[in-house]
């Protein structure tokens, strides 16, 4: 093999690596997990009691790790997780499906945790009804075509990963914002306080 062929082959190999491995070795997105959860029911011993039927909400959970090269780096602030969720709702109204985009800014993330750091966002049952013509999907598999996640830290893209397709496939879509909700704006707000990383209050 000539040295030219070797160099060309090396470039092709690098291009084939996952983008999450190319951006920044300090941050790694380890898991993207969508699911369908029902509205939690909280009971109160005083006050008026109202009957409400639980509905399906979509949850998108992301696990990631931060292993800074410098031992002096202990805590990361202003880590921005951007979610891009492509719904499997192709039809007359949405020929290519609907791309939803939202983000959360995390603070006080410790370095070198043994367990992964986690972030989450939700899509309400009303939004699911809207985008699926009144029928709420019963599973994440039937609701989602793909999910793209990026992490930005100190103004730089540091990690990127998708659930299925490689590359920045979302660039060819016009995203809708305002539908993906942080946990604090959902009925899940009082749950799992120690499970997810802290979200910066805007």
N, C-alpha and C. Protein backbone atom coordinates (compact mmCIF):
# COMPACT_ATOMS: atom_id res chain seq x y z
N UNK A 1 0.85 -1.20 0.00
CA UNK A 1 0.00 0.00 0.00
C UNK A 1 0.89 1.25 0.00
N UNK A 2 0.58 2.20 -0.87
CA UNK A 2 1.36 3.43 -0.93
C UNK A 2 0.99 4.33 0.24
N UNK A 3 1.90 5.29 0.53
CA UNK A 3 1.62 6.20 1.64
C UNK A 3 0.41 7.08 1.35
N UNK A 4 0.16 7.37 0.04
CA UNK A 4 -1.01 8.18 -0.31
C UNK A 4 -2.30 7.43 0.02
N UNK A 5 -2.31 6.13 -0.31
CA UNK A 5 -3.50 5.32 -0.03
C UNK A 5 -3.72 5.20 1.47
N UNK A 6 -2.62 5.11 2.21
CA UNK A 6 -2.72 4.99 3.66
C UNK A 6 -3.33 6.26 4.28
N UNK A 7 -2.85 7.42 3.81
CA UNK A 7 -3.36 8.69 4.33
C UNK A 7 -4.83 8.86 3.99
N UNK A 8 -5.20 8.53 2.76
CA UNK A 8 -6.60 8.66 2.34
C UNK A 8 -7.49 7.74 3.18
N UNK A 9 -7.01 6.52 3.41
CA UNK A 9 -7.77 5.58 4.21
C UNK A 9 -7.94 6.07 5.63
N UNK A 10 -6.89 6.71 6.17
CA UNK A 10 -6.98 7.23 7.53
C UNK A 10 -8.02 8.33 7.63
N UNK A 11 -8.07 9.20 6.62
CA UNK A 11 -9.07 10.27 6.64
C UNK A 11 -10.48 9.71 6.55
N UNK A 12 -10.67 8.69 5.74
CA UNK A 12 -11.98 8.06 5.62
C UNK A 12 -12.40 7.43 6.94
N UNK A 13 -11.44 6.84 7.64
CA UNK A 13 -11.75 6.20 8.91
C UNK A 13 -12.17 7.24 9.94
N UNK A 14 -11.45 8.36 9.99
CA UNK A 14 -11.81 9.42 10.92
C UNK A 14 -13.20 9.96 10.62
N UNK A 15 -13.51 10.11 9.35
CA UNK A 15 -14.82 10.62 8.96
C UNK A 15 -15.94 9.69 9.34
N UNK A 16 -15.63 8.39 9.50
CA UNK A 16 -16.66 7.43 9.83
C UNK A 16 -16.92 7.33 11.32
N UNK A 17 -16.06 7.94 12.15
CA UNK A 17 -16.24 7.87 13.59
C UNK A 17 -17.47 8.65 14.00
N UNK A 18 -18.13 8.24 15.12
CA UNK A 18 -19.29 9.00 15.61
C UNK A 18 -18.88 10.43 15.92
N UNK A 19 -19.77 11.37 15.60
CA UNK A 19 -19.45 12.77 15.83
C UNK A 19 -19.23 13.05 17.31
N UNK A 20 -19.92 12.32 18.20
CA UNK A 20 -19.76 12.55 19.62
C UNK A 20 -18.33 12.26 20.05
N UNK A 21 -17.61 11.40 19.29
CA UNK A 21 -16.23 11.07 19.64
C UNK A 21 -15.25 12.07 19.03
N UNK A 22 -15.68 12.83 18.02
CA UNK A 22 -14.79 13.74 17.33
C UNK A 22 -14.74 15.13 17.97
N UNK A 23 -15.82 15.54 18.63
CA UNK A 23 -15.95 16.93 19.04
C UNK A 23 -15.03 17.26 20.21
N UNK A 24 -15.15 16.55 21.31
CA UNK A 24 -14.37 16.86 22.50
C UNK A 24 -14.34 15.62 23.38
N UNK A 25 -13.14 15.13 23.66
CA UNK A 25 -13.03 13.89 24.41
C UNK A 25 -13.42 14.04 25.88
N UNK A 26 -13.57 15.30 26.36
CA UNK A 26 -13.91 15.51 27.76
C UNK A 26 -15.39 15.20 28.02
N UNK A 27 -16.24 15.45 27.05
CA UNK A 27 -17.67 15.18 27.18
C UNK A 27 -18.07 14.01 26.28
N UNK A 28 -18.88 13.11 26.81
CA UNK A 28 -19.39 12.00 26.03
C UNK A 28 -20.87 11.80 26.33
N UNK A 29 -21.70 11.78 25.28
CA UNK A 29 -23.10 11.43 25.44
C UNK A 29 -23.19 9.91 25.39
N UNK A 30 -23.60 9.30 26.47
CA UNK A 30 -23.57 7.84 26.58
C UNK A 30 -24.91 7.17 26.27
N UNK A 31 -26.01 7.93 26.40
CA UNK A 31 -27.31 7.28 26.17
C UNK A 31 -28.37 8.32 25.86
N UNK A 32 -29.25 7.98 24.92
CA UNK A 32 -30.45 8.76 24.62
C UNK A 32 -31.63 7.81 24.76
N UNK A 33 -32.53 8.10 25.66
CA UNK A 33 -33.62 7.14 25.94
C UNK A 33 -34.98 7.83 25.96
N UNK A 34 -35.77 7.67 24.89
CA UNK A 34 -37.14 8.19 24.90
C UNK A 34 -38.09 7.17 25.52
N UNK A 35 -39.15 7.66 26.13
CA UNK A 35 -40.16 6.77 26.70
C UNK A 35 -41.48 7.51 26.79
N UNK A 36 -42.54 6.76 27.00
CA UNK A 36 -43.86 7.33 27.23
C UNK A 36 -44.23 7.07 28.69
N UNK A 37 -44.50 8.15 29.43
CA UNK A 37 -44.86 8.06 30.84
C UNK A 37 -46.24 8.69 31.04
N UNK A 38 -46.98 8.18 32.01
CA UNK A 38 -48.29 8.75 32.30
C UNK A 38 -48.15 9.84 33.36
N UNK A 39 -49.08 10.77 33.34
CA UNK A 39 -49.08 11.87 34.30
C UNK A 39 -49.11 11.32 35.72
N UNK A 40 -48.16 11.70 36.58
CA UNK A 40 -48.19 11.23 37.97
C UNK A 40 -49.36 11.84 38.72
N UNK A 41 -49.96 11.05 39.59
CA UNK A 41 -51.08 11.52 40.39
C UNK A 41 -50.61 11.79 41.82
N UNK A 42 -50.75 13.04 42.24
CA UNK A 42 -50.38 13.42 43.60
C UNK A 42 -51.65 13.67 44.40
N UNK A 43 -51.71 13.13 45.61
CA UNK A 43 -52.91 13.27 46.44
C UNK A 43 -52.64 14.23 47.59
N UNK A 44 -53.69 14.92 48.01
CA UNK A 44 -53.61 15.88 49.10
C UNK A 44 -54.68 15.54 50.13
N UNK A 45 -54.36 15.75 51.38
CA UNK A 45 -55.29 15.40 52.45
C UNK A 45 -56.28 16.54 52.72
N UNK A 46 -55.95 17.75 52.27
CA UNK A 46 -56.85 18.89 52.48
C UNK A 46 -57.08 19.58 51.15
N UNK A 47 -58.09 20.42 51.13
CA UNK A 47 -58.38 21.16 49.91
C UNK A 47 -59.32 20.39 48.99
N UNK A 48 -59.77 21.04 47.91
CA UNK A 48 -60.71 20.38 46.98
C UNK A 48 -60.04 19.23 46.23
N UNK A 49 -60.78 18.17 46.04
CA UNK A 49 -60.29 17.01 45.30
C UNK A 49 -60.91 17.02 43.90
N UNK A 50 -60.07 16.89 42.89
CA UNK A 50 -60.54 16.90 41.50
C UNK A 50 -60.07 15.65 40.80
N UNK A 51 -60.98 15.02 40.11
CA UNK A 51 -60.64 13.80 39.37
C UNK A 51 -59.99 14.17 38.03
N UNK A 52 -58.82 13.61 37.78
CA UNK A 52 -58.12 13.86 36.51
C UNK A 52 -57.61 12.53 35.98
N UNK A 53 -57.78 12.31 34.70
CA UNK A 53 -57.33 11.08 34.07
C UNK A 53 -55.90 11.26 33.57
N UNK A 54 -55.04 10.34 33.95
CA UNK A 54 -53.64 10.42 33.53
C UNK A 54 -53.53 10.24 32.02
N UNK A 55 -52.63 11.01 31.42
CA UNK A 55 -52.39 10.95 29.98
C UNK A 55 -50.94 10.58 29.71
N UNK A 56 -50.68 10.24 28.46
CA UNK A 56 -49.32 9.89 28.06
C UNK A 56 -48.49 11.14 27.76
N UNK A 57 -47.34 11.24 28.41
CA UNK A 57 -46.35 12.27 28.12
C UNK A 57 -45.12 11.59 27.54
N UNK A 58 -44.42 12.29 26.65
CA UNK A 58 -43.17 11.76 26.13
C UNK A 58 -42.02 12.29 26.98
N UNK A 59 -41.15 11.39 27.39
CA UNK A 59 -39.94 11.77 28.13
C UNK A 59 -38.72 11.44 27.29
N UNK A 60 -37.77 12.37 27.23
CA UNK A 60 -36.50 12.14 26.53
C UNK A 60 -35.38 12.36 27.54
N UNK A 61 -34.73 11.27 27.92
CA UNK A 61 -33.65 11.35 28.90
C UNK A 61 -32.29 11.18 28.22
N UNK A 62 -31.34 11.98 28.63
CA UNK A 62 -29.98 11.95 28.09
C UNK A 62 -29.01 11.70 29.23
N UNK A 63 -28.10 10.75 29.03
CA UNK A 63 -27.02 10.50 29.99
C UNK A 63 -25.69 10.89 29.35
N UNK A 64 -24.85 11.55 30.14
CA UNK A 64 -23.56 11.98 29.60
C UNK A 64 -22.52 11.98 30.72
N UNK A 65 -21.25 12.09 30.32
CA UNK A 65 -20.16 12.14 31.30
C UNK A 65 -19.24 13.30 30.98
N UNK A 66 -18.55 13.78 32.02
CA UNK A 66 -17.58 14.86 31.85
C UNK A 66 -16.30 14.49 32.58
N UNK A 67 -15.24 14.29 31.81
CA UNK A 67 -13.93 13.94 32.36
C UNK A 67 -12.92 14.95 31.84
N UNK A 68 -12.80 16.10 32.51
CA UNK A 68 -11.89 17.15 32.03
C UNK A 68 -10.44 16.71 32.06
N UNK A 69 -9.68 17.24 31.11
CA UNK A 69 -8.26 16.91 31.05
C UNK A 69 -7.50 17.49 32.24
N UNK A 70 -7.94 18.61 32.75
CA UNK A 70 -7.28 19.25 33.88
C UNK A 70 -7.87 18.76 35.20
N UNK A 71 -7.01 18.31 36.10
CA UNK A 71 -7.48 17.86 37.42
C UNK A 71 -8.02 19.02 38.24
N UNK A 72 -7.68 20.24 37.85
CA UNK A 72 -8.17 21.41 38.58
C UNK A 72 -9.63 21.71 38.30
N UNK A 73 -10.18 21.15 37.22
CA UNK A 73 -11.58 21.39 36.85
C UNK A 73 -12.47 20.47 37.67
N UNK A 74 -13.23 21.03 38.56
CA UNK A 74 -14.07 20.24 39.46
C UNK A 74 -15.56 20.32 39.14
N UNK A 75 -16.00 21.51 38.69
CA UNK A 75 -17.43 21.73 38.47
C UNK A 75 -17.62 22.48 37.16
N UNK A 76 -18.63 22.07 36.39
CA UNK A 76 -18.96 22.75 35.13
C UNK A 76 -20.31 23.45 35.26
N UNK A 77 -20.33 24.72 34.87
CA UNK A 77 -21.57 25.50 34.84
C UNK A 77 -21.92 25.87 33.41
N UNK A 78 -23.18 26.22 33.21
CA UNK A 78 -23.65 26.67 31.89
C UNK A 78 -23.36 25.66 30.80
N UNK A 79 -23.69 24.40 31.08
CA UNK A 79 -23.60 23.33 30.09
C UNK A 79 -24.96 23.24 29.40
N UNK A 80 -25.00 23.53 28.12
CA UNK A 80 -26.26 23.61 27.39
C UNK A 80 -26.52 22.30 26.65
N UNK A 81 -27.65 21.67 26.97
CA UNK A 81 -28.08 20.45 26.27
C UNK A 81 -29.20 20.83 25.32
N UNK A 82 -28.99 20.63 24.03
CA UNK A 82 -30.01 20.94 23.03
C UNK A 82 -30.62 19.64 22.52
N UNK A 83 -31.94 19.58 22.57
CA UNK A 83 -32.71 18.41 22.14
C UNK A 83 -33.37 18.71 20.80
N UNK A 84 -33.26 17.77 19.88
CA UNK A 84 -33.96 17.87 18.59
C UNK A 84 -34.69 16.55 18.38
N UNK A 85 -36.01 16.62 18.48
CA UNK A 85 -36.84 15.41 18.42
C UNK A 85 -37.65 15.43 17.13
N UNK A 86 -37.40 14.44 16.27
CA UNK A 86 -38.14 14.32 15.01
C UNK A 86 -39.29 13.34 15.23
N UNK A 87 -40.50 13.86 15.18
CA UNK A 87 -41.68 13.03 15.41
C UNK A 87 -42.02 12.20 14.18
N UNK A 88 -42.54 11.01 14.42
CA UNK A 88 -42.94 10.10 13.34
C UNK A 88 -44.40 10.37 12.96
N UNK A 89 -44.68 11.59 12.55
CA UNK A 89 -46.05 11.99 12.24
C UNK A 89 -46.20 12.44 10.80
N UNK A 90 -45.52 11.74 9.91
CA UNK A 90 -45.61 12.11 8.49
C UNK A 90 -47.04 11.97 7.99
N UNK A 91 -47.44 12.97 7.24
CA UNK A 91 -48.79 12.97 6.70
C UNK A 91 -49.00 14.21 5.86
N UNK A 92 -50.26 14.51 5.59
CA UNK A 92 -50.58 15.67 4.77
C UNK A 92 -50.08 16.96 5.41
N UNK A 93 -50.30 17.08 6.72
CA UNK A 93 -49.91 18.30 7.43
C UNK A 93 -48.40 18.38 7.65
N UNK A 94 -47.76 17.22 7.83
CA UNK A 94 -46.33 17.18 8.10
C UNK A 94 -45.68 16.13 7.20
N UNK A 95 -45.38 16.49 5.96
CA UNK A 95 -44.87 15.51 4.98
C UNK A 95 -43.58 14.81 5.42
N UNK A 96 -42.73 15.50 6.17
CA UNK A 96 -41.45 14.91 6.60
C UNK A 96 -41.40 14.64 8.10
N UNK A 97 -42.52 14.82 8.76
CA UNK A 97 -42.52 14.74 10.21
C UNK A 97 -42.23 16.11 10.79
N UNK A 98 -42.37 16.24 12.10
CA UNK A 98 -42.18 17.51 12.77
C UNK A 98 -40.93 17.46 13.64
N UNK A 99 -40.05 18.45 13.47
CA UNK A 99 -38.85 18.54 14.30
C UNK A 99 -39.09 19.55 15.41
N UNK A 100 -39.00 19.07 16.65
CA UNK A 100 -39.14 19.93 17.81
C UNK A 100 -37.77 20.17 18.41
N UNK A 101 -37.53 21.40 18.86
CA UNK A 101 -36.22 21.75 19.41
C UNK A 101 -36.40 22.48 20.74
N UNK A 102 -35.57 22.12 21.70
CA UNK A 102 -35.58 22.79 22.99
C UNK A 102 -34.24 22.57 23.68
N UNK A 103 -33.97 23.37 24.69
CA UNK A 103 -32.70 23.23 25.38
C UNK A 103 -32.82 23.57 26.86
N UNK A 104 -31.90 23.01 27.63
CA UNK A 104 -31.79 23.34 29.05
C UNK A 104 -30.33 23.67 29.34
N UNK A 105 -30.12 24.55 30.33
CA UNK A 105 -28.77 24.91 30.75
C UNK A 105 -28.54 24.33 32.14
N UNK A 106 -27.52 23.49 32.26
CA UNK A 106 -27.24 22.80 33.52
C UNK A 106 -26.11 23.48 34.27
N UNK A 107 -26.15 23.39 35.59
CA UNK A 107 -25.12 24.00 36.43
C UNK A 107 -24.66 22.99 37.48
N UNK A 108 -23.47 23.27 38.04
CA UNK A 108 -22.91 22.50 39.16
C UNK A 108 -22.73 21.02 38.82
N UNK A 109 -22.26 20.74 37.60
CA UNK A 109 -22.01 19.36 37.21
C UNK A 109 -20.62 18.95 37.70
N UNK A 110 -20.53 17.95 38.56
CA UNK A 110 -19.22 17.52 39.06
C UNK A 110 -18.46 16.71 38.02
N UNK A 111 -17.16 16.80 38.04
CA UNK A 111 -16.33 16.06 37.09
C UNK A 111 -16.10 14.63 37.58
N UNK A 112 -15.89 13.74 36.63
CA UNK A 112 -15.46 12.36 36.89
C UNK A 112 -16.40 11.60 37.83
N UNK A 113 -17.69 11.80 37.63
CA UNK A 113 -18.66 11.02 38.41
C UNK A 113 -18.60 9.55 38.00
N UNK A 114 -18.78 8.67 38.97
CA UNK A 114 -18.82 7.25 38.65
C UNK A 114 -20.11 6.91 37.91
N UNK A 115 -21.21 7.55 38.31
CA UNK A 115 -22.48 7.37 37.61
C UNK A 115 -22.65 8.49 36.60
N UNK A 116 -23.41 8.28 35.53
CA UNK A 116 -23.56 9.33 34.51
C UNK A 116 -24.36 10.52 35.02
N UNK A 117 -24.12 11.67 34.43
CA UNK A 117 -24.99 12.83 34.63
C UNK A 117 -26.19 12.68 33.71
N UNK A 118 -27.33 13.24 34.13
CA UNK A 118 -28.56 13.04 33.35
C UNK A 118 -29.32 14.35 33.19
N UNK A 119 -29.98 14.46 32.05
CA UNK A 119 -30.85 15.58 31.74
C UNK A 119 -32.12 15.03 31.11
N UNK A 120 -33.21 15.80 31.17
CA UNK A 120 -34.48 15.29 30.65
C UNK A 120 -35.33 16.45 30.14
N UNK A 121 -36.15 16.15 29.13
CA UNK A 121 -37.18 17.07 28.67
C UNK A 121 -38.44 16.27 28.33
N UNK A 122 -39.57 16.99 28.27
CA UNK A 122 -40.86 16.32 28.08
C UNK A 122 -41.67 16.98 26.96
N UNK A 123 -42.58 16.19 26.42
CA UNK A 123 -43.58 16.68 25.47
C UNK A 123 -44.94 16.30 26.03
N UNK A 124 -45.81 17.27 26.21
CA UNK A 124 -47.08 17.03 26.88
C UNK A 124 -48.05 16.21 26.03
N UNK A 125 -49.06 15.67 26.69
CA UNK A 125 -50.08 14.90 25.97
C UNK A 125 -50.86 15.78 25.02
N UNK A 126 -51.03 17.05 25.35
CA UNK A 126 -51.73 17.95 24.43
C UNK A 126 -50.93 18.16 23.15
N UNK A 127 -49.62 18.30 23.30
CA UNK A 127 -48.78 18.46 22.11
C UNK A 127 -48.77 17.18 21.28
N UNK A 128 -48.73 16.04 21.94
CA UNK A 128 -48.79 14.77 21.21
C UNK A 128 -50.09 14.66 20.43
N UNK A 129 -51.19 15.03 21.06
CA UNK A 129 -52.48 15.02 20.36
C UNK A 129 -52.45 15.95 19.15
N UNK A 130 -51.86 17.10 19.33
CA UNK A 130 -51.80 18.09 18.25
C UNK A 130 -51.03 17.56 17.05
N UNK A 131 -49.86 17.00 17.29
CA UNK A 131 -49.00 16.59 16.19
C UNK A 131 -49.36 15.23 15.61
N UNK A 132 -50.16 14.45 16.35
CA UNK A 132 -50.57 13.14 15.84
C UNK A 132 -52.06 13.07 15.58
N UNK A 133 -52.65 14.23 15.25
CA UNK A 133 -54.04 14.33 14.81
C UNK A 133 -55.00 13.69 15.80
N UNK A 134 -54.80 14.01 17.08
CA UNK A 134 -55.73 13.58 18.12
C UNK A 134 -55.45 12.22 18.72
N UNK A 135 -54.49 11.49 18.17
CA UNK A 135 -54.18 10.15 18.68
C UNK A 135 -52.81 10.17 19.36
N UNK A 136 -52.78 9.93 20.67
CA UNK A 136 -51.52 9.94 21.40
C UNK A 136 -50.82 8.61 21.20
N UNK A 137 -49.59 8.60 20.73
CA UNK A 137 -48.86 7.33 20.55
C UNK A 137 -48.73 6.57 21.87
N UNK A 138 -48.76 5.27 21.78
CA UNK A 138 -48.69 4.43 22.98
C UNK A 138 -47.26 4.06 23.34
N UNK A 139 -46.31 4.32 22.43
CA UNK A 139 -44.93 3.96 22.70
C UNK A 139 -44.00 5.00 22.06
N UNK A 140 -42.79 5.09 22.60
CA UNK A 140 -41.81 6.02 22.04
C UNK A 140 -41.40 5.60 20.64
N UNK A 141 -41.38 4.30 20.38
CA UNK A 141 -41.00 3.79 19.07
C UNK A 141 -41.95 4.29 17.98
N UNK A 142 -43.23 4.33 18.29
CA UNK A 142 -44.21 4.79 17.30
C UNK A 142 -44.28 6.31 17.23
N UNK A 143 -43.72 7.00 18.21
CA UNK A 143 -43.82 8.45 18.25
C UNK A 143 -42.62 9.16 17.64
N UNK A 144 -41.46 8.51 17.64
CA UNK A 144 -40.21 9.19 17.29
C UNK A 144 -39.52 8.53 16.10
N UNK A 145 -39.06 9.36 15.16
CA UNK A 145 -38.22 8.89 14.07
C UNK A 145 -36.75 8.95 14.48
N UNK A 146 -36.35 10.05 15.11
CA UNK A 146 -34.96 10.19 15.55
C UNK A 146 -34.86 11.30 16.58
N UNK A 147 -33.75 11.30 17.32
CA UNK A 147 -33.45 12.33 18.30
C UNK A 147 -31.99 12.72 18.14
N UNK A 148 -31.73 14.01 18.05
CA UNK A 148 -30.36 14.51 17.99
C UNK A 148 -30.06 15.34 19.23
N UNK A 149 -28.93 15.07 19.86
CA UNK A 149 -28.55 15.78 21.08
C UNK A 149 -27.17 16.42 20.88
N UNK A 150 -27.05 17.69 21.26
CA UNK A 150 -25.74 18.34 21.28
C UNK A 150 -25.51 18.94 22.66
N UNK A 151 -24.23 18.99 23.04
CA UNK A 151 -23.84 19.63 24.30
C UNK A 151 -22.87 20.76 23.96
N UNK A 152 -23.16 21.94 24.49
CA UNK A 152 -22.31 23.11 24.29
C UNK A 152 -21.78 23.56 25.65
N UNK A 153 -20.48 23.82 25.72
CA UNK A 153 -19.85 24.25 26.97
C UNK A 153 -18.85 25.35 26.66
N UNK A 154 -18.96 26.44 27.41
CA UNK A 154 -18.10 27.60 27.21
C UNK A 154 -18.15 28.09 25.77
N UNK A 155 -19.36 28.05 25.20
CA UNK A 155 -19.59 28.56 23.86
C UNK A 155 -19.14 27.64 22.74
N UNK A 156 -18.70 26.42 23.07
CA UNK A 156 -18.20 25.49 22.05
C UNK A 156 -19.00 24.19 22.06
N UNK A 157 -19.21 23.64 20.87
CA UNK A 157 -19.84 22.33 20.75
C UNK A 157 -18.85 21.28 21.25
N UNK A 158 -19.25 20.51 22.27
CA UNK A 158 -18.32 19.56 22.88
C UNK A 158 -18.77 18.10 22.76
N UNK A 159 -20.02 17.86 22.38
CA UNK A 159 -20.48 16.48 22.19
C UNK A 159 -21.72 16.49 21.32
N UNK A 160 -21.88 15.42 20.57
CA UNK A 160 -23.01 15.32 19.64
C UNK A 160 -23.32 13.85 19.40
N UNK A 161 -24.60 13.53 19.41
CA UNK A 161 -24.99 12.14 19.17
C UNK A 161 -26.46 12.09 18.77
N UNK A 162 -26.81 11.09 17.96
CA UNK A 162 -28.20 10.86 17.56
C UNK A 162 -28.62 9.46 17.97
N UNK A 163 -29.93 9.31 18.07
CA UNK A 163 -30.48 8.00 18.41
C UNK A 163 -30.28 7.01 17.27
N UNK A 164 -30.41 7.48 16.02
CA UNK A 164 -30.31 6.58 14.87
C UNK A 164 -29.35 7.10 13.80
N UNK A 165 -29.76 8.12 13.05
CA UNK A 165 -29.01 8.56 11.88
C UNK A 165 -27.73 9.30 12.26
N UNK A 166 -26.66 9.14 11.48
CA UNK A 166 -25.43 9.87 11.74
C UNK A 166 -25.50 11.30 11.20
N UNK A 167 -24.57 12.13 11.65
CA UNK A 167 -24.46 13.48 11.12
C UNK A 167 -25.52 14.42 11.65
N UNK A 168 -25.46 15.65 11.19
CA UNK A 168 -26.39 16.69 11.62
C UNK A 168 -27.63 16.69 10.72
N UNK A 169 -28.37 15.62 10.78
CA UNK A 169 -29.53 15.44 9.91
C UNK A 169 -30.60 16.51 10.13
N UNK A 170 -30.64 17.09 11.33
CA UNK A 170 -31.67 18.08 11.66
C UNK A 170 -31.50 19.40 10.91
N UNK A 171 -30.33 19.60 10.31
CA UNK A 171 -30.08 20.86 9.60
C UNK A 171 -31.01 21.05 8.41
N UNK A 172 -31.59 19.98 7.90
CA UNK A 172 -32.47 20.09 6.73
C UNK A 172 -33.93 20.33 7.13
N UNK A 173 -34.20 20.52 8.42
CA UNK A 173 -35.56 20.75 8.91
C UNK A 173 -35.69 22.17 9.47
N UNK A 174 -36.92 22.66 9.48
CA UNK A 174 -37.24 23.91 10.16
C UNK A 174 -37.84 23.55 11.51
N UNK A 175 -37.11 23.75 12.61
CA UNK A 175 -37.60 23.28 13.90
C UNK A 175 -38.69 24.17 14.49
N UNK A 176 -39.52 23.56 15.33
CA UNK A 176 -40.50 24.29 16.12
C UNK A 176 -40.01 24.32 17.56
N UNK A 177 -40.06 25.47 18.18
CA UNK A 177 -39.62 25.61 19.56
C UNK A 177 -40.82 25.89 20.46
N UNK A 178 -40.62 25.68 21.76
CA UNK A 178 -41.66 26.00 22.73
C UNK A 178 -42.53 24.83 23.13
N UNK A 179 -42.33 23.67 22.52
CA UNK A 179 -43.14 22.49 22.85
C UNK A 179 -42.42 21.52 23.78
N UNK A 180 -41.12 21.37 23.63
CA UNK A 180 -40.36 20.55 24.56
C UNK A 180 -40.21 21.31 25.87
N UNK A 181 -40.52 20.65 26.98
CA UNK A 181 -40.59 21.32 28.28
C UNK A 181 -39.57 20.76 29.26
N UNK A 182 -38.91 21.63 30.04
CA UNK A 182 -38.06 21.14 31.12
C UNK A 182 -38.94 20.52 32.21
N UNK A 183 -38.35 19.69 33.04
CA UNK A 183 -39.13 18.98 34.07
C UNK A 183 -39.86 19.93 34.99
N UNK A 184 -39.26 21.09 35.26
CA UNK A 184 -39.87 22.05 36.19
C UNK A 184 -41.20 22.59 35.70
N UNK A 185 -41.50 22.46 34.40
CA UNK A 185 -42.75 22.97 33.83
C UNK A 185 -43.73 21.85 33.52
N UNK A 186 -43.57 20.71 34.19
CA UNK A 186 -44.43 19.55 33.95
C UNK A 186 -44.93 18.99 35.27
N UNK A 187 -45.89 18.05 35.23
CA UNK A 187 -46.34 17.40 36.47
C UNK A 187 -45.26 16.54 37.12
N UNK A 188 -44.15 16.30 36.40
CA UNK A 188 -43.06 15.50 36.95
C UNK A 188 -42.09 16.34 37.79
N UNK A 189 -42.36 17.64 37.92
CA UNK A 189 -41.44 18.56 38.60
C UNK A 189 -41.03 18.11 40.00
N UNK A 190 -41.95 17.63 40.85
CA UNK A 190 -41.54 17.27 42.22
C UNK A 190 -40.85 15.91 42.34
N UNK A 191 -40.67 15.22 41.21
CA UNK A 191 -40.12 13.86 41.26
C UNK A 191 -38.64 13.84 40.87
N UNK A 192 -37.93 12.84 41.37
CA UNK A 192 -36.56 12.50 40.93
C UNK A 192 -35.57 13.66 41.13
N UNK A 193 -35.64 14.35 42.24
CA UNK A 193 -34.78 15.52 42.46
C UNK A 193 -33.30 15.17 42.40
N UNK A 194 -32.91 14.04 42.94
CA UNK A 194 -31.49 13.69 42.99
C UNK A 194 -31.02 12.88 41.79
N UNK A 195 -31.89 12.66 40.85
CA UNK A 195 -31.57 11.82 39.69
C UNK A 195 -31.00 12.64 38.54
N UNK A 196 -31.52 13.85 38.34
CA UNK A 196 -31.10 14.71 37.23
C UNK A 196 -30.21 15.86 37.73
N UNK A 197 -29.40 16.39 36.84
CA UNK A 197 -28.56 17.53 37.17
C UNK A 197 -29.41 18.80 37.30
N UNK A 198 -28.89 19.77 38.04
CA UNK A 198 -29.62 21.00 38.29
C UNK A 198 -29.73 21.84 37.01
N UNK A 199 -30.91 22.38 36.80
CA UNK A 199 -31.16 23.27 35.66
C UNK A 199 -31.05 24.71 36.12
N UNK A 200 -30.34 25.51 35.36
CA UNK A 200 -30.15 26.93 35.70
C UNK A 200 -31.48 27.66 35.56
N UNK A 201 -31.83 28.41 36.57
CA UNK A 201 -33.07 29.17 36.55
C UNK A 201 -32.89 30.39 35.65
N UNK A 202 -33.79 30.54 34.70
CA UNK A 202 -33.67 31.64 33.74
C UNK A 202 -34.30 32.91 34.29
